[in-house]
Amino acid sequence: MTTWIEMARFAELDDRAKKEANRLAEYALDVALDPALVIRFEEIEDGFRLVIDEDLYKFYQGI
């Protein structure tokens, strides 16, 4: 089972949210991970949250 780590929250899926997801997608590609599998938006009560897979998070944090 994959552990998901919250990176940001957005009120709506606007340009700012998409820009952040694209930035993380480029990073995922840099470390040979498929962005479609390691990045996603989840709907929450007051908008959306951007989450990434634990493996991408470890690369992102340099762990």
C-alpha atoms as a PDB file:
ATOM      1  CA  MET A   1       0.000   0.000   0.000  1.00  0.00           C
ATOM      2  CA  THR A   2       1.281   3.409  -0.962  1.00  0.00           C
ATOM      3  CA  THR A   3       1.624   6.150   1.613  1.00  0.00           C
ATOM      4  CA  TRP A   4       0.613   9.590   0.346  1.00  0.00           C
ATOM      5  CA  ILE A   5       2.122  12.811   1.721  1.00  0.00           C
ATOM      6  CA  GLU A   6       0.259  16.101   1.518  1.00  0.00           C
ATOM      7  CA  MET A   7       2.235  18.842  -0.200  1.00  0.00           C
ATOM      8  CA  ALA A   8      -0.358  21.627  -0.537  1.00  0.00           C
ATOM      9  CA  ARG A   9      -4.046  22.545  -0.265  1.00  0.00           C
ATOM     10  CA  PHE A  10      -6.038  24.546  -2.777  1.00  0.00           C
ATOM     11  CA  ALA A  11      -9.568  25.944  -2.722  1.00  0.00           C
ATOM     12  CA  GLU A  12      -9.970  24.980  -6.376  1.00  0.00           C
ATOM     13  CA  LEU A  13      -8.030  23.381  -9.189  1.00  0.00           C
ATOM     14  CA  ASP A  14      -6.875  26.662 -10.663  1.00  0.00           C
ATOM     15  CA  ASP A  15      -3.707  27.618 -12.517  1.00  0.00           C
ATOM     16  CA  ARG A  16      -1.745  27.867  -9.265  1.00  0.00           C
ATOM     17  CA  ALA A  17      -2.674  24.292  -8.304  1.00  0.00           C
ATOM     18  CA  LYS A  18      -1.855  22.954 -11.765  1.00  0.00           C
ATOM     19  CA  LYS A  19       1.457  24.824 -11.808  1.00  0.00           C
ATOM     20  CA  GLU A  20       2.493  23.201  -8.515  1.00  0.00           C
ATOM     21  CA  ALA A  21       1.465  19.750  -9.774  1.00  0.00           C
ATOM     22  CA  ASN A  22       3.452  20.316 -12.988  1.00  0.00           C
ATOM     23  CA  ARG A  23       6.505  21.351 -10.985  1.00  0.00           C
ATOM     24  CA  LEU A  24       6.332  18.123  -8.994  1.00  0.00           C
ATOM     25  CA  ALA A  25       5.701  16.136 -12.185  1.00  0.00           C
ATOM     26  CA  GLU A  26       8.940  17.445 -13.674  1.00  0.00           C
ATOM     27  CA  TYR A  27      10.775  16.405 -10.546  1.00  0.00           C
ATOM     28  CA  ALA A  28       9.197  12.931 -10.740  1.00  0.00           C
ATOM     29  CA  LEU A  29      10.399  12.568 -14.321  1.00  0.00           C
ATOM     30  CA  ASP A  30      13.899  13.630 -13.252  1.00  0.00           C
ATOM     31  CA  VAL A  31      14.049  10.638 -10.898  1.00  0.00           C
ATOM     32  CA  ALA A  32      12.420   8.224 -13.404  1.00  0.00           C
ATOM     33  CA  LEU A  33       8.985   8.028 -11.765  1.00  0.00           C
ATOM     34  CA  ASP A  34       5.706   8.223 -13.677  1.00  0.00           C
ATOM     35  CA  PRO A  35       3.943  11.407 -12.522  1.00  0.00           C
ATOM     36  CA  ALA A  36       0.530   9.812 -13.129  1.00  0.00           C
ATOM     37  CA  LEU A  37       1.354   7.192 -10.504  1.00  0.00           C
ATOM     38  CA  VAL A  38       3.047   9.350  -7.855  1.00  0.00           C
ATOM     39  CA  ILE A  39       1.122  12.658  -7.896  1.00  0.00           C
ATOM     40  CA  ARG A  40      -2.585  13.255  -7.454  1.00  0.00           C
ATOM     41  CA  PHE A  41      -5.229  15.638  -6.209  1.00  0.00           C
ATOM     42  CA  GLU A  42      -7.709  14.473  -3.589  1.00  0.00           C
ATOM     43  CA  GLU A  43     -10.982  16.251  -3.024  1.00  0.00           C
ATOM     44  CA  ILE A  44     -11.468  17.412   0.554  1.00  0.00           C
ATOM     45  CA  GLU A  45     -14.222  19.311   2.325  1.00  0.00           C
ATOM     46  CA  ASP A  46     -12.886  22.779   1.550  1.00  0.00           C
ATOM     47  CA  GLY A  47     -11.201  22.142  -1.803  1.00  0.00           C
ATOM     48  CA  PHE A  48      -8.390  19.891  -2.935  1.00  0.00           C
ATOM     49  CA  ARG A  49      -5.108  18.660  -1.584  1.00  0.00           C
ATOM     50  CA  LEU A  50      -2.071  17.810  -3.649  1.00  0.00           C
ATOM     51  CA  VAL A  51      -0.414  14.615  -2.487  1.00  0.00           C
ATOM     52  CA  ILE A  52       2.650  12.728  -3.637  1.00  0.00           C
ATOM     53  CA  ASP A  53       3.769   9.160  -3.166  1.00  0.00           C
ATOM     54  CA  GLU A  54       6.175   8.483  -0.311  1.00  0.00           C
ATOM     55  CA  ASP A  55       8.926   7.397  -2.736  1.00  0.00           C
ATOM     56  CA  LEU A  56       8.784  10.706  -4.606  1.00  0.00           C
ATOM     57  CA  TYR A  57       8.692  12.546  -1.290  1.00  0.00           C
ATOM     58  CA  LYS A  58      11.911  10.815  -0.209  1.00  0.00           C
ATOM     59  CA  PHE A  59      13.649  11.902  -3.423  1.00  0.00           C
ATOM     60  CA  TYR A  60      12.171  15.391  -3.088  1.00  0.00           C
ATOM     61  CA  GLN A  61      13.484  15.727   0.475  1.00  0.00           C
ATOM     62  CA  GLY A  62      16.824  14.077  -0.298  1.00  0.00           C
ATOM     63  CA  ILE A  63      16.230  11.227   2.130  1.00  0.00           C
END
